[in-house]
Amino acid sequence: MESSDKKAYIHAIAHHESALKAVQENEEKVEEIKMELVILKKQLEEAKLEHDQTKKHARKTKEHLKKAKHNWVVSNNQWLLPDEK
């Protein structure tokens, strides 16, 4: 093999090894991102559940306030129970 052919061959091998290393690093990054995605999906599910529970609680509170409001009266800009008038 001529000297220039050897240099080209060595250069090609080095380039190939560099490309393989980059591929391996990218695969590792992909795995890390997949793990992060699993964690984020779980956090999203938990946040949705908490949101649904909060909405349910707010709805119940609103219903209780509506029912309670019928029993209250306003006197001197204050809410009072009928027997406090």
N, C-alpha and C. Protein backbone atom coordinates (compact mmCIF):
# COMPACT_ATOMS: atom_id res chain seq x y z
N MET A 1 0.85 -1.17 0.00
CA MET A 1 0.00 0.00 0.00
C MET A 1 0.89 1.23 0.00
N GLU A 2 0.54 2.18 -0.81
CA GLU A 2 1.33 3.41 -0.87
C GLU A 2 1.10 4.25 0.37
N SER A 3 2.00 5.15 0.62
CA SER A 3 1.95 6.00 1.81
C SER A 3 0.67 6.83 1.85
N SER A 4 0.29 7.40 0.70
CA SER A 4 -0.93 8.22 0.67
C SER A 4 -2.17 7.36 0.89
N ASP A 5 -2.15 6.11 0.38
CA ASP A 5 -3.27 5.19 0.61
C ASP A 5 -3.37 4.83 2.09
N LYS A 6 -2.22 4.60 2.73
CA LYS A 6 -2.21 4.28 4.16
C LYS A 6 -2.77 5.44 4.97
N LYS A 7 -2.37 6.66 4.61
CA LYS A 7 -2.86 7.84 5.32
C LYS A 7 -4.37 7.98 5.16
N ALA A 8 -4.84 7.75 3.94
CA ALA A 8 -6.28 7.85 3.67
C ALA A 8 -7.03 6.77 4.45
N TYR A 9 -6.47 5.56 4.49
CA TYR A 9 -7.08 4.45 5.21
C TYR A 9 -7.13 4.75 6.71
N ILE A 10 -6.03 5.22 7.27
CA ILE A 10 -5.97 5.57 8.69
C ILE A 10 -6.95 6.69 9.00
N HIS A 11 -7.02 7.66 8.11
CA HIS A 11 -7.96 8.78 8.29
C HIS A 11 -9.41 8.26 8.26
N ALA A 12 -9.69 7.35 7.33
CA ALA A 12 -11.05 6.80 7.22
C ALA A 12 -11.41 6.01 8.48
N ILE A 13 -10.48 5.24 9.00
CA ILE A 13 -10.73 4.48 10.23
C ILE A 13 -10.99 5.43 11.40
N ALA A 14 -10.17 6.46 11.51
CA ALA A 14 -10.35 7.43 12.59
C ALA A 14 -11.70 8.11 12.48
N HIS A 15 -12.09 8.46 11.25
CA HIS A 15 -13.39 9.11 11.03
C HIS A 15 -14.52 8.15 11.40
N HIS A 16 -14.37 6.88 11.02
CA HIS A 16 -15.38 5.87 11.33
C HIS A 16 -15.51 5.69 12.84
N GLU A 17 -14.40 5.60 13.55
CA GLU A 17 -14.43 5.44 15.00
C GLU A 17 -15.06 6.66 15.68
N SER A 18 -14.75 7.83 15.15
CA SER A 18 -15.35 9.05 15.69
C SER A 18 -16.87 9.04 15.49
N ALA A 19 -17.29 8.60 14.32
CA ALA A 19 -18.73 8.53 14.03
C ALA A 19 -19.40 7.51 14.94
N LEU A 20 -18.76 6.37 15.16
CA LEU A 20 -19.33 5.35 16.06
C LEU A 20 -19.46 5.89 17.48
N LYS A 21 -18.46 6.63 17.93
CA LYS A 21 -18.50 7.22 19.26
C LYS A 21 -19.66 8.21 19.36
N ALA A 22 -19.84 9.02 18.32
CA ALA A 22 -20.94 9.99 18.31
C ALA A 22 -22.29 9.28 18.35
N VAL A 23 -22.41 8.18 17.61
CA VAL A 23 -23.65 7.40 17.61
C VAL A 23 -23.92 6.86 19.00
N GLN A 24 -22.90 6.32 19.65
CA GLN A 24 -23.06 5.78 21.00
C GLN A 24 -23.49 6.87 21.98
N GLU A 25 -22.87 8.04 21.88
CA GLU A 25 -23.24 9.16 22.76
C GLU A 25 -24.69 9.57 22.52
N ASN A 26 -25.09 9.60 21.25
CA ASN A 26 -26.47 9.96 20.92
C ASN A 26 -27.46 8.93 21.47
N GLU A 27 -27.09 7.65 21.38
CA GLU A 27 -27.97 6.60 21.92
C GLU A 27 -28.11 6.75 23.44
N GLU A 28 -27.03 7.11 24.11
CA GLU A 28 -27.10 7.34 25.56
C GLU A 28 -28.00 8.52 25.88
N LYS A 29 -27.88 9.58 25.07
CA LYS A 29 -28.74 10.75 25.28
C LYS A 29 -30.21 10.39 25.06
N VAL A 30 -30.47 9.57 24.05
CA VAL A 30 -31.84 9.13 23.77
C VAL A 30 -32.40 8.37 24.97
N GLU A 31 -31.61 7.48 25.55
CA GLU A 31 -32.05 6.72 26.72
C GLU A 31 -32.33 7.65 27.90
N GLU A 32 -31.47 8.64 28.11
CA GLU A 32 -31.69 9.60 29.20
C GLU A 32 -32.99 10.36 28.99
N ILE A 33 -33.22 10.79 27.75
CA ILE A 33 -34.43 11.55 27.43
C ILE A 33 -35.67 10.67 27.61
N LYS A 34 -35.56 9.40 27.23
CA LYS A 34 -36.69 8.48 27.42
C LYS A 34 -37.03 8.35 28.91
N MET A 35 -36.00 8.24 29.75
CA MET A 35 -36.25 8.14 31.20
C MET A 35 -36.89 9.42 31.72
N GLU A 36 -36.39 10.57 31.25
CA GLU A 36 -36.98 11.84 31.67
C GLU A 36 -38.43 11.93 31.23
N LEU A 37 -38.71 11.43 30.03
CA LEU A 37 -40.07 11.46 29.50
C LEU A 37 -41.01 10.62 30.36
N VAL A 38 -40.55 9.46 30.80
CA VAL A 38 -41.36 8.61 31.68
C VAL A 38 -41.69 9.35 32.97
N ILE A 39 -40.67 10.02 33.53
CA ILE A 39 -40.88 10.78 34.77
C ILE A 39 -41.87 11.92 34.53
N LEU A 40 -41.70 12.64 33.42
CA LEU A 40 -42.60 13.76 33.12
C LEU A 40 -44.03 13.29 32.89
N LYS A 41 -44.20 12.14 32.23
CA LYS A 41 -45.54 11.60 32.02
C LYS A 41 -46.20 11.27 33.35
N LYS A 42 -45.43 10.70 34.27
CA LYS A 42 -45.97 10.37 35.59
C LYS A 42 -46.35 11.65 36.33
N GLN A 43 -45.49 12.67 36.26
CA GLN A 43 -45.80 13.94 36.91
C GLN A 43 -47.05 14.57 36.31
N LEU A 44 -47.19 14.46 34.99
CA LEU A 44 -48.38 15.01 34.32
C LEU A 44 -49.64 14.29 34.79
N GLU A 45 -49.58 12.97 34.89
CA GLU A 45 -50.74 12.21 35.37
C GLU A 45 -51.10 12.62 36.80
N GLU A 46 -50.09 12.79 37.64
CA GLU A 46 -50.33 13.22 39.02
C GLU A 46 -50.93 14.62 39.06
N ALA A 47 -50.43 15.52 38.22
CA ALA A 47 -50.95 16.88 38.17
C ALA A 47 -52.40 16.89 37.68
N LYS A 48 -52.70 16.06 36.69
CA LYS A 48 -54.08 15.98 36.19
C LYS A 48 -55.02 15.47 37.29
N LEU A 49 -54.57 14.46 38.02
CA LEU A 49 -55.38 13.91 39.11
C LEU A 49 -55.62 14.97 40.18
N GLU A 50 -54.56 15.67 40.55
CA GLU A 50 -54.69 16.73 41.56
C GLU A 50 -55.63 17.84 41.06
N HIS A 51 -55.51 18.18 39.78
CA HIS A 51 -56.38 19.20 39.19
C HIS A 51 -57.84 18.76 39.24
N ASP A 52 -58.09 17.51 38.87
CA ASP A 52 -59.46 16.99 38.91
C ASP A 52 -60.02 17.01 40.33
N GLN A 53 -59.19 16.63 41.30
CA GLN A 53 -59.63 16.64 42.69
C GLN A 53 -59.92 18.06 43.16
N THR A 54 -59.08 19.00 42.75
CA THR A 54 -59.28 20.41 43.13
C THR A 54 -60.57 20.94 42.51
N LYS A 55 -60.81 20.61 41.23
CA LYS A 55 -62.05 21.05 40.58
C LYS A 55 -63.26 20.47 41.30
N LYS A 56 -63.18 19.19 41.67
CA LYS A 56 -64.29 18.54 42.37
C LYS A 56 -64.53 19.23 43.72
N HIS A 57 -63.45 19.51 44.43
CA HIS A 57 -63.57 20.19 45.73
C HIS A 57 -64.17 21.59 45.55
N ALA A 58 -63.71 22.31 44.53
CA ALA A 58 -64.23 23.66 44.27
C ALA A 58 -65.72 23.61 43.94
N ARG A 59 -66.13 22.61 43.16
CA ARG A 59 -67.54 22.47 42.80
C ARG A 59 -68.38 22.21 44.05
N LYS A 60 -67.89 21.32 44.92
CA LYS A 60 -68.63 21.02 46.16
C LYS A 60 -68.70 22.25 47.06
N THR A 61 -67.59 22.98 47.16
CA THR A 61 -67.56 24.19 47.99
C THR A 61 -68.55 25.21 47.46
N LYS A 62 -68.60 25.35 46.14
CA LYS A 62 -69.53 26.30 45.53
C LYS A 62 -70.98 25.91 45.85
N GLU A 63 -71.27 24.61 45.77
CA GLU A 63 -72.62 24.14 46.10
C GLU A 63 -72.95 24.41 47.56
N HIS A 64 -72.00 24.16 48.45
CA HIS A 64 -72.23 24.41 49.88
C HIS A 64 -72.46 25.91 50.13
N LEU A 65 -71.69 26.74 49.45
CA LEU A 65 -71.86 28.19 49.62
C LEU A 65 -73.24 28.63 49.14
N LYS A 66 -73.69 28.07 48.02
CA LYS A 66 -75.02 28.42 47.51
C LYS A 66 -76.09 28.04 48.53
N LYS A 67 -75.97 26.83 49.08
CA LYS A 67 -76.95 26.37 50.06
C LYS A 67 -76.88 27.22 51.33
N ALA A 68 -75.68 27.51 51.78
CA ALA A 68 -75.51 28.29 53.01
C ALA A 68 -75.98 29.72 52.83
N LYS A 69 -75.82 30.27 51.64
CA LYS A 69 -76.17 31.66 51.39
C LYS A 69 -77.66 31.90 51.63
N HIS A 70 -78.49 30.89 51.37
CA HIS A 70 -79.93 31.04 51.57
C HIS A 70 -80.27 31.23 53.04
N ASN A 71 -79.41 30.79 53.92
CA ASN A 71 -79.66 30.90 55.35
C ASN A 71 -79.09 32.17 55.96
N TRP A 72 -78.38 32.95 55.18
CA TRP A 72 -77.72 34.14 55.70
C TRP A 72 -78.44 35.39 55.21
N VAL A 73 -78.31 36.46 55.97
CA VAL A 73 -78.90 37.74 55.56
C VAL A 73 -77.83 38.81 55.70
N VAL A 74 -78.04 39.91 54.96
CA VAL A 74 -77.08 41.02 55.04
C VAL A 74 -77.65 42.08 55.97
N SER A 75 -76.84 42.50 56.94
CA SER A 75 -77.23 43.57 57.85
C SER A 75 -76.00 44.43 58.09
N ASN A 76 -76.12 45.72 57.78
CA ASN A 76 -74.99 46.64 57.91
C ASN A 76 -73.74 46.12 57.17
N ASN A 77 -73.95 45.68 55.94
CA ASN A 77 -72.87 45.17 55.09
C ASN A 77 -72.14 43.96 55.68
N GLN A 78 -72.80 43.20 56.53
CA GLN A 78 -72.21 41.98 57.09
C GLN A 78 -73.17 40.82 56.86
N TRP A 79 -72.60 39.68 56.58
CA TRP A 79 -73.41 38.48 56.44
C TRP A 79 -73.68 37.92 57.83
N LEU A 80 -74.95 37.73 58.15
CA LEU A 80 -75.34 37.22 59.47
C LEU A 80 -76.33 36.07 59.30
N LEU A 81 -76.31 35.17 60.24
CA LEU A 81 -77.35 34.16 60.27
C LEU A 81 -78.65 34.84 60.70
N PRO A 82 -79.80 34.31 60.30
CA PRO A 82 -81.07 34.96 60.63
C PRO A 82 -81.24 35.26 62.11
N ASP A 83 -80.73 34.41 63.00
CA ASP A 83 -80.92 34.66 64.43
C ASP A 83 -79.93 35.68 65.00
N GLU A 84 -79.00 36.20 64.19
CA GLU A 84 -78.04 37.20 64.66
C GLU A 84 -78.47 38.62 64.32
N LYS A 85 -79.58 38.78 63.60
CA LYS A 85 -80.01 40.11 63.15
C LYS A 85 -80.25 41.07 64.27
